[in-house]
Amino acid sequence: MKNKIQQLRKLRKVTQQELADALSVTRQTIISLENGRYNASLTLAHKAAQFFGTTIEELFIFEDDENL
Protein backbone atom coordinates (compact mmCIF):
# COMPACT_ATOMS: atom_id res chain seq x y z
CA MET A 1 0.00 0.00 0.00
CA LYS A 2 1.38 3.38 -0.96
CA ASN A 3 1.53 6.18 1.55
CA LYS A 4 2.64 9.77 2.05
CA ILE A 5 4.77 9.13 5.13
CA GLN A 6 8.12 10.01 3.57
CA GLN A 7 6.71 13.11 1.90
CA LEU A 8 5.16 14.42 5.13
CA ARG A 9 8.18 13.42 7.21
CA LYS A 10 10.53 15.38 4.97
CA LEU A 11 8.15 18.34 4.83
CA ARG A 12 8.23 18.51 8.62
CA LYS A 13 12.01 17.91 8.72
CA VAL A 14 11.65 14.84 10.92
CA THR A 15 14.22 12.06 10.70
CA GLN A 16 13.22 8.44 10.32
CA GLN A 17 14.49 7.79 13.84
CA GLU A 18 12.49 10.68 15.30
CA LEU A 19 9.34 9.40 13.62
CA ALA A 20 10.07 5.85 14.77
CA ASP A 21 10.48 7.06 18.34
CA ALA A 22 7.23 9.05 18.18
CA LEU A 23 5.34 6.01 16.86
CA SER A 24 7.08 3.50 19.17
CA VAL A 25 8.49 1.43 16.30
CA THR A 26 11.96 0.83 14.90
CA ARG A 27 13.61 2.91 12.21
CA GLN A 28 13.55 -0.22 10.04
CA THR A 29 9.74 -0.21 10.25
CA ILE A 30 9.65 3.39 9.02
CA ILE A 31 12.01 2.52 6.17
CA SER A 32 9.81 -0.44 5.20
CA LEU A 33 6.66 1.69 5.34
CA GLU A 34 8.20 4.41 3.19
CA ASN A 35 9.37 1.86 0.63
CA GLY A 36 6.00 0.09 0.51
CA ARG A 37 7.40 -3.20 1.81
CA TYR A 38 5.26 -3.15 4.95
CA ASN A 39 1.59 -2.36 5.48
CA ALA A 40 0.88 -0.62 8.75
CA SER A 41 -1.49 -2.12 11.28
CA LEU A 42 -4.59 -0.10 12.01
CA THR A 43 -3.05 1.01 15.31
CA LEU A 44 0.16 2.18 13.64
CA ALA A 45 -1.76 3.88 10.83
CA HIS A 46 -3.84 5.74 13.43
CA LYS A 47 -0.73 6.83 15.36
CA ALA A 48 0.95 8.04 12.16
CA ALA A 49 -2.13 9.96 11.05
CA GLN A 50 -2.34 11.65 14.46
CA PHE A 51 1.37 12.49 14.35
CA PHE A 52 0.99 14.20 10.99
CA GLY A 53 -2.36 15.78 11.84
CA THR A 54 -4.18 14.07 9.00
CA THR A 55 -6.55 11.18 8.43
CA ILE A 56 -5.63 7.59 7.70
CA GLU A 57 -7.34 7.93 4.30
CA GLU A 58 -5.17 10.91 3.39
CA LEU A 59 -1.97 9.30 4.64
CA PHE A 60 -2.41 5.86 3.05
CA ILE A 61 -3.37 5.41 -0.59
CA PHE A 62 -5.64 2.45 -1.23
CA GLU A 63 -5.18 0.90 -4.66
CA ASP A 64 -8.16 -1.04 -6.00
CA ASP A 65 -6.04 -3.72 -7.62
CA GLU A 66 -4.36 -4.89 -4.40
CA ASN A 67 -5.30 -8.26 -2.98
CA LEU A 68 -7.77 -7.94 -0.12
C-alpha atoms as a PDB file:
ATOM      1  CA  MET A   1       0.000   0.000   0.000  1.00  0.00           C
ATOM      2  CA  LYS A   2       1.379   3.378  -0.958  1.00  0.00           C
ATOM      3  CA  ASN A   3       1.529   6.185   1.551  1.00  0.00           C
ATOM      4  CA  LYS A   4       2.641   9.771   2.054  1.00  0.00           C
ATOM      5  CA  ILE A   5       4.769   9.129   5.131  1.00  0.00           C
ATOM      6  CA  GLN A   6       8.121  10.006   3.566  1.00  0.00           C
ATOM      7  CA  GLN A   7       6.705  13.114   1.899  1.00  0.00           C
ATOM      8  CA  LEU A   8       5.161  14.422   5.131  1.00  0.00           C
ATOM      9  CA  ARG A   9       8.182  13.424   7.213  1.00  0.00           C
ATOM     10  CA  LYS A  10      10.534  15.379   4.975  1.00  0.00           C
ATOM     11  CA  LEU A  11       8.152  18.338   4.826  1.00  0.00           C
ATOM     12  CA  ARG A  12       8.231  18.512   8.624  1.00  0.00           C
ATOM     13  CA  LYS A  13      12.011  17.913   8.723  1.00  0.00           C
ATOM     14  CA  VAL A  14      11.649  14.844  10.920  1.00  0.00           C
ATOM     15  CA  THR A  15      14.219  12.056  10.698  1.00  0.00           C
ATOM     16  CA  GLN A  16      13.222   8.437  10.315  1.00  0.00           C
ATOM     17  CA  GLN A  17      14.489   7.790  13.838  1.00  0.00           C
ATOM     18  CA  GLU A  18      12.485  10.684  15.302  1.00  0.00           C
ATOM     19  CA  LEU A  19       9.340   9.397  13.619  1.00  0.00           C
ATOM     20  CA  ALA A  20      10.071   5.854  14.767  1.00  0.00           C
ATOM     21  CA  ASP A  21      10.481   7.058  18.343  1.00  0.00           C
ATOM     22  CA  ALA A  22       7.229   9.051  18.184  1.00  0.00           C
ATOM     23  CA  LEU A  23       5.335   6.006  16.865  1.00  0.00           C
ATOM     24  CA  SER A  24       7.078   3.498  19.173  1.00  0.00           C
ATOM     25  CA  VAL A  25       8.490   1.429  16.305  1.00  0.00           C
ATOM     26  CA  THR A  26      11.964   0.832  14.897  1.00  0.00           C
ATOM     27  CA  ARG A  27      13.609   2.914  12.208  1.00  0.00           C
ATOM     28  CA  GLN A  28      13.551  -0.219  10.035  1.00  0.00           C
ATOM     29  CA  THR A  29       9.743  -0.208  10.253  1.00  0.00           C
ATOM     30  CA  ILE A  30       9.655   3.391   9.025  1.00  0.00           C
ATOM     31  CA  ILE A  31      12.013   2.523   6.165  1.00  0.00           C
ATOM     32  CA  SER A  32       9.815  -0.444   5.197  1.00  0.00           C
ATOM     33  CA  LEU A  33       6.662   1.689   5.345  1.00  0.00           C
ATOM     34  CA  GLU A  34       8.204   4.410   3.194  1.00  0.00           C
ATOM     35  CA  ASN A  35       9.368   1.858   0.632  1.00  0.00           C
ATOM     36  CA  GLY A  36       6.002   0.091   0.509  1.00  0.00           C
ATOM     37  CA  ARG A  37       7.396  -3.196   1.806  1.00  0.00           C
ATOM     38  CA  TYR A  38       5.263  -3.154   4.952  1.00  0.00           C
ATOM     39  CA  ASN A  39       1.587  -2.364   5.483  1.00  0.00           C
ATOM     40  CA  ALA A  40       0.879  -0.618   8.746  1.00  0.00           C
ATOM     41  CA  SER A  41      -1.488  -2.124  11.278  1.00  0.00           C
ATOM     42  CA  LEU A  42      -4.593  -0.105  12.010  1.00  0.00           C
ATOM     43  CA  THR A  43      -3.049   1.012  15.308  1.00  0.00           C
ATOM     44  CA  LEU A  44       0.161   2.184  13.642  1.00  0.00           C
ATOM     45  CA  ALA A  45      -1.763   3.884  10.832  1.00  0.00           C
ATOM     46  CA  HIS A  46      -3.838   5.737  13.426  1.00  0.00           C
ATOM     47  CA  LYS A  47      -0.730   6.834  15.360  1.00  0.00           C
ATOM     48  CA  ALA A  48       0.948   8.037  12.160  1.00  0.00           C
ATOM     49  CA  ALA A  49      -2.133   9.963  11.055  1.00  0.00           C
ATOM     50  CA  GLN A  50      -2.338  11.646  14.455  1.00  0.00           C
ATOM     51  CA  PHE A  51       1.367  12.493  14.351  1.00  0.00           C
ATOM     52  CA  PHE A  52       0.991  14.200  10.988  1.00  0.00           C
ATOM     53  CA  GLY A  53      -2.365  15.780  11.840  1.00  0.00           C
ATOM     54  CA  THR A  54      -4.181  14.074   8.997  1.00  0.00           C
ATOM     55  CA  THR A  55      -6.548  11.181   8.430  1.00  0.00           C
ATOM     56  CA  ILE A  56      -5.627   7.589   7.701  1.00  0.00           C
ATOM     57  CA  GLU A  57      -7.341   7.935   4.303  1.00  0.00           C
ATOM     58  CA  GLU A  58      -5.170  10.915   3.393  1.00  0.00           C
ATOM     59  CA  LEU A  59      -1.968   9.296   4.635  1.00  0.00           C
ATOM     60  CA  PHE A  60      -2.413   5.865   3.053  1.00  0.00           C
ATOM     61  CA  ILE A  61      -3.374   5.407  -0.590  1.00  0.00           C
ATOM     62  CA  PHE A  62      -5.641   2.453  -1.234  1.00  0.00           C
ATOM     63  CA  GLU A  63      -5.182   0.905  -4.657  1.00  0.00           C
ATOM     64  CA  ASP A  64      -8.159  -1.036  -5.999  1.00  0.00           C
ATOM     65  CA  ASP A  65      -6.036  -3.718  -7.624  1.00  0.00           C
ATOM     66  CA  GLU A  66      -4.356  -4.888  -4.397  1.00  0.00           C
ATOM     67  CA  ASN A  67      -5.299  -8.261  -2.975  1.00  0.00           C
ATOM     68  CA  LEU A  68      -7.766  -7.944  -0.124  1.00  0.00           C
END
